[in-house]
Amino acid sequence: MLRRYKDVVIGYKEESYPPIPTKFTLWLRRNVLVQLFRFIVINIKVMRIVIGGHH
């Protein structure tokens, strides 16, 4: 969505771009122990739903 005014190209506004993740957020995403913990928590939640549906 570019607009041209007298041969000047105006791009998207700064608000259109996603925020850059912080160093802590990147660390959480890359840490294997955090990923393992979250995997276990999600599996426990799924198992509670599955087991609850069979009663």
C-alpha atoms as a PDB file:
ATOM      1  CA  MET A   1       0.000   0.000   0.000  1.00  0.00           C
ATOM      2  CA  LEU A   2       2.376   2.642  -1.213  1.00  0.00           C
ATOM      3  CA  ARG A   3       1.366   6.196  -1.988  1.00  0.00           C
ATOM      4  CA  ARG A   4       3.327   8.384  -4.345  1.00  0.00           C
ATOM      5  CA  TYR A   5       3.498  12.134  -3.899  1.00  0.00           C
ATOM      6  CA  LYS A   6       5.733  13.984  -6.330  1.00  0.00           C
ATOM      7  CA  ASP A   7       8.014  10.954  -6.837  1.00  0.00           C
ATOM      8  CA  VAL A   8       8.324  10.347  -3.063  1.00  0.00           C
ATOM      9  CA  VAL A   9       7.389   6.865  -1.883  1.00  0.00           C
ATOM     10  CA  ILE A  10       5.700   6.671   1.517  1.00  0.00           C
ATOM     11  CA  GLY A  11       5.622   3.143   2.983  1.00  0.00           C
ATOM     12  CA  TYR A  12       3.617   1.648   5.798  1.00  0.00           C
ATOM     13  CA  LYS A  13       3.397   3.382   9.158  1.00  0.00           C
ATOM     14  CA  GLU A  14       5.579   2.192  12.023  1.00  0.00           C
ATOM     15  CA  GLU A  15       2.469   0.847  13.805  1.00  0.00           C
ATOM     16  CA  SER A  16       1.922  -1.617  10.953  1.00  0.00           C
ATOM     17  CA  TYR A  17       4.971  -3.698  11.852  1.00  0.00           C
ATOM     18  CA  PRO A  18       4.984  -6.313  14.637  1.00  0.00           C
ATOM     19  CA  PRO A  19       6.905  -5.589  17.843  1.00  0.00           C
ATOM     20  CA  ILE A  20      10.454  -6.900  18.131  1.00  0.00           C
ATOM     21  CA  PRO A  21      10.729  -9.583  20.838  1.00  0.00           C
ATOM     22  CA  THR A  22      12.833  -8.767  23.883  1.00  0.00           C
ATOM     23  CA  LYS A  23      15.955 -10.732  24.812  1.00  0.00           C
ATOM     24  CA  PHE A  24      14.023 -12.462  27.589  1.00  0.00           C
ATOM     25  CA  THR A  25      11.267 -13.521  25.174  1.00  0.00           C
ATOM     26  CA  LEU A  26      13.844 -14.927  22.763  1.00  0.00           C
ATOM     27  CA  TRP A  27      15.529 -16.764  25.657  1.00  0.00           C
ATOM     28  CA  LEU A  28      12.200 -18.327  26.654  1.00  0.00           C
ATOM     29  CA  ARG A  29      11.570 -19.456  23.090  1.00  0.00           C
ATOM     30  CA  ARG A  30      15.033 -21.008  22.681  1.00  0.00           C
ATOM     31  CA  ASN A  31      15.447 -22.612  26.117  1.00  0.00           C
ATOM     32  CA  VAL A  32      14.952 -26.380  25.897  1.00  0.00           C
ATOM     33  CA  LEU A  33      13.992 -26.736  29.576  1.00  0.00           C
ATOM     34  CA  VAL A  34      11.261 -24.115  29.257  1.00  0.00           C
ATOM     35  CA  GLN A  35       9.976 -25.808  26.111  1.00  0.00           C
ATOM     36  CA  LEU A  36       9.955 -29.194  27.856  1.00  0.00           C
ATOM     37  CA  PHE A  37       8.059 -27.761  30.835  1.00  0.00           C
ATOM     38  CA  ARG A  38       5.461 -26.107  28.592  1.00  0.00           C
ATOM     39  CA  PHE A  39       5.114 -29.332  26.567  1.00  0.00           C
ATOM     40  CA  ILE A  40       4.382 -31.309  29.746  1.00  0.00           C
ATOM     41  CA  VAL A  41       1.873 -28.727  30.994  1.00  0.00           C
ATOM     42  CA  ILE A  42       0.000 -28.700  27.675  1.00  0.00           C
ATOM     43  CA  ASN A  43      -0.069 -32.524  27.583  1.00  0.00           C
ATOM     44  CA  ILE A  44      -1.483 -32.649  31.116  1.00  0.00           C
ATOM     45  CA  LYS A  45      -4.228 -30.209  30.109  1.00  0.00           C
ATOM     46  CA  VAL A  46      -5.087 -32.286  27.038  1.00  0.00           C
ATOM     47  CA  MET A  47      -5.139 -35.505  29.074  1.00  0.00           C
ATOM     48  CA  ARG A  48      -7.524 -33.928  31.608  1.00  0.00           C
ATOM     49  CA  ILE A  49      -9.900 -33.067  28.759  1.00  0.00           C
ATOM     50  CA  VAL A  50      -9.623 -36.532  27.172  1.00  0.00           C
ATOM     51  CA  ILE A  51     -10.065 -38.397  30.450  1.00  0.00           C
ATOM     52  CA  GLY A  52     -12.935 -36.118  31.479  1.00  0.00           C
ATOM     53  CA  GLY A  53     -14.739 -36.815  28.232  1.00  0.00           C
ATOM     54  CA  HIS A  54     -14.804 -40.576  28.825  1.00  0.00           C
ATOM     55  CA  HIS A  55     -16.767 -40.440  32.087  1.00  0.00           C
END
